[in-house]
Every structure is written in structure tokens, then in C-alpha cells.
Amino acid sequence: LWYVLLKEKNMLLTLEQESKRQQKPMPSPERLEK
């Protein structure tokens, strides 16, 4: 489960950085906190 969450975290961090680059809101940012 740790490595599954780690992959999910890396994916969400990539999505967050891409949203900042495009200056658009990140869809459901609460996923990263969970």
C-alpha cells in the first residue's frame, strides 16, 4: 500500500505542477492531502 500511495503522490504532484504551469485550478486538490 505504501508504494501504491507513493505512485499516486508522484502523479498528483505532477498534476499540481502542470496546473501551475498552465495557470489552471487543479482538479480535486484534496486527493494529495488524503
ModelCIF file with pLDDT and N, C-alpha, C, O atoms, coordinates in Angstrom:
data_MODEL
#
_entry.id   MODEL 
#
_entity.id                         1 
_entity.type                       polymer 
_entity.pdbx_number_of_molecules   1 
#
_entity_poly.entity_id                      1 
_entity_poly.type                           'polypeptide(L)' 
_entity_poly.nstd_linkage                   no 
_entity_poly.nstd_monomer                   no 
_entity_poly.pdbx_seq_one_letter_code       LWYVLLKEKNMLLTLEQESKRQQKPMPSPERLEK 
_entity_poly.pdbx_seq_one_letter_code_can   LWYVLLKEKNMLLTLEQESKRQQKPMPSPERLEK 
_entity_poly.pdbx_strand_id                 A 
#
loop_
_entity_poly_seq.entity_id 
_entity_poly_seq.num 
_entity_poly_seq.mon_id 
_entity_poly_seq.hetero 
1 1  LEU n 
1 2  TRP n 
1 3  TYR n 
1 4  VAL n 
1 5  LEU n 
1 6  LEU n 
1 7  LYS n 
1 8  GLU n 
1 9  LYS n 
1 10 ASN n 
1 11 MET n 
1 12 LEU n 
1 13 LEU n 
1 14 THR n 
1 15 LEU n 
1 16 GLU n 
1 17 GLN n 
1 18 GLU n 
1 19 SER n 
1 20 LYS n 
1 21 ARG n 
1 22 GLN n 
1 23 GLN n 
1 24 LYS n 
1 25 PRO n 
1 26 MET n 
1 27 PRO n 
1 28 SER n 
1 29 PRO n 
1 30 GLU n 
1 31 ARG n 
1 32 LEU n 
1 33 GLU n 
1 34 LYS n 
#
_struct_asym.id          A 
_struct_asym.entity_id   1 
#
loop_
_ma_qa_metric.id 
_ma_qa_metric.mode 
_ma_qa_metric.name 
_ma_qa_metric.software_group_id 
_ma_qa_metric.type 
1 global pLDDT . pLDDT 
2 local  pLDDT . pLDDT 
#
_ma_qa_metric_global.metric_id      1 
_ma_qa_metric_global.metric_value   89.12 
_ma_qa_metric_global.model_id       1 
_ma_qa_metric_global.ordinal_id     1 
#
loop_
_ma_qa_metric_local.label_asym_id 
_ma_qa_metric_local.label_comp_id 
_ma_qa_metric_local.label_seq_id 
_ma_qa_metric_local.metric_id 
_ma_qa_metric_local.metric_value 
_ma_qa_metric_local.model_id 
_ma_qa_metric_local.ordinal_id 
A LEU 1  2 94.00 1 1  
A TRP 2  2 94.00 1 2  
A TYR 3  2 92.00 1 3  
A VAL 4  2 91.00 1 4  
A LEU 5  2 93.00 1 5  
A LEU 6  2 93.00 1 6  
A LYS 7  2 90.00 1 7  
A GLU 8  2 90.00 1 8  
A LYS 9  2 92.00 1 9  
A ASN 10 2 90.00 1 10 
A MET 11 2 89.00 1 11 
A LEU 12 2 90.00 1 12 
A LEU 13 2 91.00 1 13 
A THR 14 2 89.00 1 14 
A LEU 15 2 87.00 1 15 
A GLU 16 2 89.00 1 16 
A GLN 17 2 90.00 1 17 
A GLU 18 2 86.00 1 18 
A SER 19 2 86.00 1 19 
A LYS 20 2 88.00 1 20 
A ARG 21 2 89.00 1 21 
A GLN 22 2 86.00 1 22 
A GLN 23 2 86.00 1 23 
A LYS 24 2 84.00 1 24 
A PRO 25 2 84.00 1 25 
A MET 26 2 84.00 1 26 
A PRO 27 2 85.00 1 27 
A SER 28 2 86.00 1 28 
A PRO 29 2 86.00 1 29 
A GLU 30 2 89.00 1 30 
A ARG 31 2 90.00 1 31 
A LEU 32 2 91.00 1 32 
A GLU 33 2 93.00 1 33 
A LYS 34 2 93.00 1 34 
#
loop_
_atom_site.group_PDB 
_atom_site.id 
_atom_site.type_symbol 
_atom_site.label_atom_id 
_atom_site.label_alt_id 
_atom_site.label_comp_id 
_atom_site.label_asym_id 
_atom_site.label_entity_id 
_atom_site.label_seq_id 
_atom_site.pdbx_PDB_ins_code 
_atom_site.Cartn_x 
_atom_site.Cartn_y 
_atom_site.Cartn_z 
_atom_site.occupancy 
_atom_site.B_iso_or_equiv 
_atom_site.pdbx_formal_charge 
_atom_site.auth_seq_id 
_atom_site.auth_comp_id 
_atom_site.auth_asym_id 
_atom_site.auth_atom_id 
_atom_site.pdbx_PDB_model_num 
ATOM 1   N N  . LEU A 1 1  ? 0.831  -1.209 0.000   1.00 94.00 ? 1  LEU A N  1 
ATOM 2   C CA . LEU A 1 1  ? 0.000  0.000  0.000   1.00 94.00 ? 1  LEU A CA 1 
ATOM 3   C C  . LEU A 1 1  ? 0.856  1.246  0.000   1.00 94.00 ? 1  LEU A C  1 
ATOM 4   O O  . LEU A 1 1  ? 0.480  2.251  -0.604  1.00 94.00 ? 1  LEU A O  1 
ATOM 5   N N  . TRP A 1 2  ? 2.007  1.206  0.668   1.00 94.00 ? 2  TRP A N  1 
ATOM 6   C CA . TRP A 1 2  ? 2.898  2.369  0.703   1.00 94.00 ? 2  TRP A CA 1 
ATOM 7   C C  . TRP A 1 2  ? 3.352  2.741  -0.703  1.00 94.00 ? 2  TRP A C  1 
ATOM 8   O O  . TRP A 1 2  ? 3.355  3.919  -1.061  1.00 94.00 ? 2  TRP A O  1 
ATOM 9   N N  . TYR A 1 3  ? 3.737  1.747  -1.502  1.00 92.00 ? 3  TYR A N  1 
ATOM 10  C CA . TYR A 1 3  ? 4.220  2.051  -2.849  1.00 92.00 ? 3  TYR A CA 1 
ATOM 11  C C  . TYR A 1 3  ? 3.077  2.451  -3.785  1.00 92.00 ? 3  TYR A C  1 
ATOM 12  O O  . TYR A 1 3  ? 3.286  3.225  -4.719  1.00 92.00 ? 3  TYR A O  1 
ATOM 13  N N  . VAL A 1 4  ? 1.887  1.934  -3.544  1.00 91.00 ? 4  VAL A N  1 
ATOM 14  C CA . VAL A 1 4  ? 0.736  2.387  -4.324  1.00 91.00 ? 4  VAL A CA 1 
ATOM 15  C C  . VAL A 1 4  ? 0.462  3.864  -4.039  1.00 91.00 ? 4  VAL A C  1 
ATOM 16  O O  . VAL A 1 4  ? 0.212  4.642  -4.959  1.00 91.00 ? 4  VAL A O  1 
ATOM 17  N N  . LEU A 1 5  ? 0.511  4.245  -2.763  1.00 93.00 ? 5  LEU A N  1 
ATOM 18  C CA . LEU A 1 5  ? 0.296  5.649  -2.395  1.00 93.00 ? 5  LEU A CA 1 
ATOM 19  C C  . LEU A 1 5  ? 1.441  6.524  -2.896  1.00 93.00 ? 5  LEU A C  1 
ATOM 20  O O  . LEU A 1 5  ? 1.224  7.676  -3.270  1.00 93.00 ? 5  LEU A O  1 
ATOM 21  N N  . LEU A 1 6  ? 2.651  5.986  -2.905  1.00 93.00 ? 6  LEU A N  1 
ATOM 22  C CA . LEU A 1 6  ? 3.781  6.762  -3.403  1.00 93.00 ? 6  LEU A CA 1 
ATOM 23  C C  . LEU A 1 6  ? 3.626  7.082  -4.884  1.00 93.00 ? 6  LEU A C  1 
ATOM 24  O O  . LEU A 1 6  ? 3.904  8.203  -5.309  1.00 93.00 ? 6  LEU A O  1 
ATOM 25  N N  . LYS A 1 7  ? 3.185  6.104  -5.670  1.00 90.00 ? 7  LYS A N  1 
ATOM 26  C CA . LYS A 1 7  ? 2.936  6.354  -7.088  1.00 90.00 ? 7  LYS A CA 1 
ATOM 27  C C  . LYS A 1 7  ? 1.815  7.366  -7.277  1.00 90.00 ? 7  LYS A C  1 
ATOM 28  O O  . LYS A 1 7  ? 1.890  8.234  -8.147  1.00 90.00 ? 7  LYS A O  1 
ATOM 29  N N  . GLU A 1 8  ? 0.774  7.249  -6.455  1.00 90.00 ? 8  GLU A N  1 
ATOM 30  C CA . GLU A 1 8  ? -0.331 8.210  -6.544  1.00 90.00 ? 8  GLU A CA 1 
ATOM 31  C C  . GLU A 1 8  ? 0.136  9.608  -6.164  1.00 90.00 ? 8  GLU A C  1 
ATOM 32  O O  . GLU A 1 8  ? -0.286 10.592 -6.772  1.00 90.00 ? 8  GLU A O  1 
ATOM 33  N N  . LYS A 1 9  ? 0.994  9.700  -5.174  1.00 92.00 ? 9  LYS A N  1 
ATOM 34  C CA . LYS A 1 9  ? 1.512  11.008 -4.759  1.00 92.00 ? 9  LYS A CA 1 
ATOM 35  C C  . LYS A 1 9  ? 2.350  11.642 -5.863  1.00 92.00 ? 9  LYS A C  1 
ATOM 36  O O  . LYS A 1 9  ? 2.218  12.835 -6.134  1.00 92.00 ? 9  LYS A O  1 
ATOM 37  N N  . ASN A 1 10 ? 3.208  10.852 -6.499  1.00 90.00 ? 10 ASN A N  1 
ATOM 38  C CA . ASN A 1 10 ? 4.019  11.387 -7.597  1.00 90.00 ? 10 ASN A CA 1 
ATOM 39  C C  . ASN A 1 10 ? 3.136  11.862 -8.753  1.00 90.00 ? 10 ASN A C  1 
ATOM 40  O O  . ASN A 1 10 ? 3.409  12.892 -9.370  1.00 90.00 ? 10 ASN A O  1 
ATOM 41  N N  . MET A 1 11 ? 2.090  11.112 -9.035  1.00 89.00 ? 11 MET A N  1 
ATOM 42  C CA . MET A 1 11 ? 1.180  11.508 -10.106 1.00 89.00 ? 11 MET A CA 1 
ATOM 43  C C  . MET A 1 11 ? 0.478  12.821 -9.756  1.00 89.00 ? 11 MET A C  1 
ATOM 44  O O  . MET A 1 11 ? 0.348  13.697 -10.611 1.00 89.00 ? 11 MET A O  1 
ATOM 45  N N  . LEU A 1 12 ? 0.024  12.966 -8.509  1.00 90.00 ? 12 LEU A N  1 
ATOM 46  C CA . LEU A 1 12 ? -0.682 14.182 -8.111  1.00 90.00 ? 12 LEU A CA 1 
ATOM 47  C C  . LEU A 1 12 ? 0.262  15.382 -8.064  1.00 90.00 ? 12 LEU A C  1 
ATOM 48  O O  . LEU A 1 12 ? -0.142 16.496 -8.399  1.00 90.00 ? 12 LEU A O  1 
ATOM 49  N N  . LEU A 1 13 ? 1.505  15.171 -7.655  1.00 91.00 ? 13 LEU A N  1 
ATOM 50  C CA . LEU A 1 13 ? 2.465  16.275 -7.674  1.00 91.00 ? 13 LEU A CA 1 
ATOM 51  C C  . LEU A 1 13 ? 2.762  16.724 -9.099  1.00 91.00 ? 13 LEU A C  1 
ATOM 52  O O  . LEU A 1 13 ? 2.928  17.917 -9.357  1.00 91.00 ? 13 LEU A O  1 
ATOM 53  N N  . THR A 1 14 ? 2.828  15.770 -10.023 1.00 89.00 ? 14 THR A N  1 
ATOM 54  C CA . THR A 1 14 ? 3.000  16.141 -11.436 1.00 89.00 ? 14 THR A CA 1 
ATOM 55  C C  . THR A 1 14 ? 1.797  16.927 -11.940 1.00 89.00 ? 14 THR A C  1 
ATOM 56  O O  . THR A 1 14 ? 1.952  17.913 -12.661 1.00 89.00 ? 14 THR A O  1 
ATOM 57  N N  . LEU A 1 15 ? 0.599  16.490 -11.561 1.00 87.00 ? 15 LEU A N  1 
ATOM 58  C CA . LEU A 1 15 ? -0.613 17.195 -11.971 1.00 87.00 ? 15 LEU A CA 1 
ATOM 59  C C  . LEU A 1 15 ? -0.667 18.585 -11.368 1.00 87.00 ? 15 LEU A C  1 
ATOM 60  O O  . LEU A 1 15 ? -1.107 19.529 -12.025 1.00 87.00 ? 15 LEU A O  1 
ATOM 61  N N  . GLU A 1 16 ? -0.224 18.724 -10.124 1.00 89.00 ? 16 GLU A N  1 
ATOM 62  C CA . GLU A 1 16 ? -0.209 20.040 -9.487  1.00 89.00 ? 16 GLU A CA 1 
ATOM 63  C C  . GLU A 1 16 ? 0.763  20.981 -10.186 1.00 89.00 ? 16 GLU A C  1 
ATOM 64  O O  . GLU A 1 16 ? 0.440  22.149 -10.407 1.00 89.00 ? 16 GLU A O  1 
ATOM 65  N N  . GLN A 1 17 ? 1.933  20.495 -10.532 1.00 90.00 ? 17 GLN A N  1 
ATOM 66  C CA . GLN A 1 17 ? 2.919  21.335 -11.214 1.00 90.00 ? 17 GLN A CA 1 
ATOM 67  C C  . GLN A 1 17 ? 2.429  21.728 -12.610 1.00 90.00 ? 17 GLN A C  1 
ATOM 68  O O  . GLN A 1 17 ? 2.631  22.860 -13.050 1.00 90.00 ? 17 GLN A O  1 
ATOM 69  N N  . GLU A 1 18 ? 1.787  20.788 -13.298 1.00 86.00 ? 18 GLU A N  1 
ATOM 70  C CA . GLU A 1 18 ? 1.277  21.105 -14.631 1.00 86.00 ? 18 GLU A CA 1 
ATOM 71  C C  . GLU A 1 18 ? 0.142  22.133 -14.556 1.00 86.00 ? 18 GLU A C  1 
ATOM 72  O O  . GLU A 1 18 ? 0.022  22.993 -15.429 1.00 86.00 ? 18 GLU A O  1 
ATOM 73  N N  . SER A 1 19 ? -0.691 22.042 -13.510 1.00 86.00 ? 19 SER A N  1 
ATOM 74  C CA . SER A 1 19 ? -1.762 23.029 -13.341 1.00 86.00 ? 19 SER A CA 1 
ATOM 75  C C  . SER A 1 19 ? -1.194 24.416 -13.073 1.00 86.00 ? 19 SER A C  1 
ATOM 76  O O  . SER A 1 19 ? -1.736 25.410 -13.557 1.00 86.00 ? 19 SER A O  1 
ATOM 77  N N  . LYS A 1 20 ? -0.113 24.494 -12.309 1.00 88.00 ? 20 LYS A N  1 
ATOM 78  C CA . LYS A 1 20 ? 0.522  25.789 -12.060 1.00 88.00 ? 20 LYS A CA 1 
ATOM 79  C C  . LYS A 1 20 ? 1.119  26.342 -13.347 1.00 88.00 ? 20 LYS A C  1 
ATOM 80  O O  . LYS A 1 20 ? 1.054  27.543 -13.608 1.00 88.00 ? 20 LYS A O  1 
ATOM 81  N N  . ARG A 1 21 ? 1.701  25.453 -14.150 1.00 89.00 ? 21 ARG A N  1 
ATOM 82  C CA . ARG A 1 21 ? 2.308  25.924 -15.399 1.00 89.00 ? 21 ARG A CA 1 
ATOM 83  C C  . ARG A 1 21 ? 1.261  26.474 -16.351 1.00 89.00 ? 21 ARG A C  1 
ATOM 84  O O  . ARG A 1 21 ? 1.494  27.481 -17.020 1.00 89.00 ? 21 ARG A O  1 
ATOM 85  N N  . GLN A 1 22 ? 0.110  25.819 -16.416 1.00 86.00 ? 22 GLN A N  1 
ATOM 86  C CA . GLN A 1 22 ? -0.962 26.277 -17.295 1.00 86.00 ? 22 GLN A CA 1 
ATOM 87  C C  . GLN A 1 22 ? -1.863 27.319 -16.638 1.00 86.00 ? 22 GLN A C  1 
ATOM 88  O O  . GLN A 1 22 ? -2.790 27.831 -17.266 1.00 86.00 ? 22 GLN A O  1 
ATOM 89  N N  . GLN A 1 23 ? -1.580 27.636 -15.342 1.00 86.00 ? 23 GLN A N  1 
ATOM 90  C CA . GLN A 1 23 ? -2.375 28.627 -14.603 1.00 86.00 ? 23 GLN A CA 1 
ATOM 91  C C  . GLN A 1 23 ? -3.857 28.246 -14.584 1.00 86.00 ? 23 GLN A C  1 
ATOM 92  O O  . GLN A 1 23 ? -4.735 29.063 -14.862 1.00 86.00 ? 23 GLN A O  1 
ATOM 93  N N  . LYS A 1 24 ? -4.103 26.982 -14.248 1.00 84.00 ? 24 LYS A N  1 
ATOM 94  C CA . LYS A 1 24 ? -5.456 26.466 -14.141 1.00 84.00 ? 24 LYS A CA 1 
ATOM 95  C C  . LYS A 1 24 ? -5.619 25.776 -12.796 1.00 84.00 ? 24 LYS A C  1 
ATOM 96  O O  . LYS A 1 24 ? -4.641 25.274 -12.242 1.00 84.00 ? 24 LYS A O  1 
ATOM 97  N N  . PRO A 1 25 ? -6.830 25.741 -12.260 1.00 84.00 ? 25 PRO A N  1 
ATOM 98  C CA . PRO A 1 25 ? -7.030 25.070 -10.968 1.00 84.00 ? 25 PRO A CA 1 
ATOM 99  C C  . PRO A 1 25 ? -6.837 23.557 -11.090 1.00 84.00 ? 25 PRO A C  1 
ATOM 100 O O  . PRO A 1 25 ? -7.226 22.938 -12.081 1.00 84.00 ? 25 PRO A O  1 
ATOM 101 N N  . MET A 1 26 ? -6.241 22.999 -10.078 1.00 84.00 ? 26 MET A N  1 
ATOM 102 C CA . MET A 1 26 ? -6.005 21.551 -10.054 1.00 84.00 ? 26 MET A CA 1 
ATOM 103 C C  . MET A 1 26 ? -7.313 20.833 -9.725  1.00 84.00 ? 26 MET A C  1 
ATOM 104 O O  . MET A 1 26 ? -7.978 21.208 -8.759  1.00 84.00 ? 26 MET A O  1 
ATOM 105 N N  . PRO A 1 27 ? -7.704 19.821 -10.489 1.00 85.00 ? 27 PRO A N  1 
ATOM 106 C CA . PRO A 1 27 ? -8.941 19.101 -10.185 1.00 85.00 ? 27 PRO A CA 1 
ATOM 107 C C  . PRO A 1 27 ? -8.820 18.284 -8.901  1.00 85.00 ? 27 PRO A C  1 
ATOM 108 O O  . PRO A 1 27 ? -7.937 17.437 -8.769  1.00 85.00 ? 27 PRO A O  1 
ATOM 109 N N  . SER A 1 28 ? -9.725 18.555 -7.956  1.00 86.00 ? 28 SER A N  1 
ATOM 110 C CA . SER A 1 28 ? -9.777 17.837 -6.670  1.00 86.00 ? 28 SER A CA 1 
ATOM 111 C C  . SER A 1 28 ? -8.415 17.823 -5.979  1.00 86.00 ? 28 SER A C  1 
ATOM 112 O O  . SER A 1 28 ? -7.805 16.762 -5.842  1.00 86.00 ? 28 SER A O  1 
ATOM 113 N N  . PRO A 1 29 ? -7.930 18.990 -5.542  1.00 86.00 ? 29 PRO A N  1 
ATOM 114 C CA . PRO A 1 29 ? -6.607 19.006 -4.887  1.00 86.00 ? 29 PRO A CA 1 
ATOM 115 C C  . PRO A 1 29 ? -6.588 18.292 -3.537  1.00 86.00 ? 29 PRO A C  1 
ATOM 116 O O  . PRO A 1 29 ? -5.517 18.007 -3.003  1.00 86.00 ? 29 PRO A O  1 
ATOM 117 N N  . GLU A 1 30 ? -7.782 17.998 -2.977  1.00 89.00 ? 30 GLU A N  1 
ATOM 118 C CA . GLU A 1 30 ? -7.802 17.308 -1.688  1.00 89.00 ? 30 GLU A CA 1 
ATOM 119 C C  . GLU A 1 30 ? -7.264 15.886 -1.785  1.00 89.00 ? 30 GLU A C  1 
ATOM 120 O O  . GLU A 1 30 ? -6.969 15.274 -0.758  1.00 89.00 ? 30 GLU A O  1 
ATOM 121 N N  . ARG A 1 31 ? -7.131 15.351 -2.980  1.00 90.00 ? 31 ARG A N  1 
ATOM 122 C CA . ARG A 1 31 ? -6.589 13.997 -3.136  1.00 90.00 ? 31 ARG A CA 1 
ATOM 123 C C  . ARG A 1 31 ? -5.154 13.912 -2.624  1.00 90.00 ? 31 ARG A C  1 
ATOM 124 O O  . ARG A 1 31 ? -4.764 12.911 -2.023  1.00 90.00 ? 31 ARG A O  1 
ATOM 125 N N  . LEU A 1 32 ? -4.379 14.950 -2.860  1.00 91.00 ? 32 LEU A N  1 
ATOM 126 C CA . LEU A 1 32 ? -2.989 14.951 -2.399  1.00 91.00 ? 32 LEU A CA 1 
ATOM 127 C C  . LEU A 1 32 ? -2.927 14.943 -0.876  1.00 91.00 ? 32 LEU A C  1 
ATOM 128 O O  . LEU A 1 32 ? -2.081 14.259 -0.299  1.00 91.00 ? 32 LEU A O  1 
ATOM 129 N N  . GLU A 1 33 ? -3.804 15.688 -0.219  1.00 93.00 ? 33 GLU A N  1 
ATOM 130 C CA . GLU A 1 33 ? -3.831 15.688 1.245   1.00 93.00 ? 33 GLU A CA 1 
ATOM 131 C C  . GLU A 1 33 ? -4.227 14.320 1.791   1.00 93.00 ? 33 GLU A C  1 
ATOM 132 O O  . GLU A 1 33 ? -3.682 13.875 2.802   1.00 93.00 ? 33 GLU A O  1 
ATOM 133 N N  . LYS A 1 34 ? -5.170 13.651 1.131   1.00 93.00 ? 34 LYS A N  1 
ATOM 134 C CA . LYS A 1 34 ? -5.572 12.321 1.582   1.00 93.00 ? 34 LYS A CA 1 
ATOM 135 C C  . LYS A 1 34 ? -4.440 11.318 1.451   1.00 93.00 ? 34 LYS A C  1 
ATOM 136 O O  . LYS A 1 34 ? -4.611 10.146 1.789   1.00 93.00 ? 34 LYS A O  1 
#
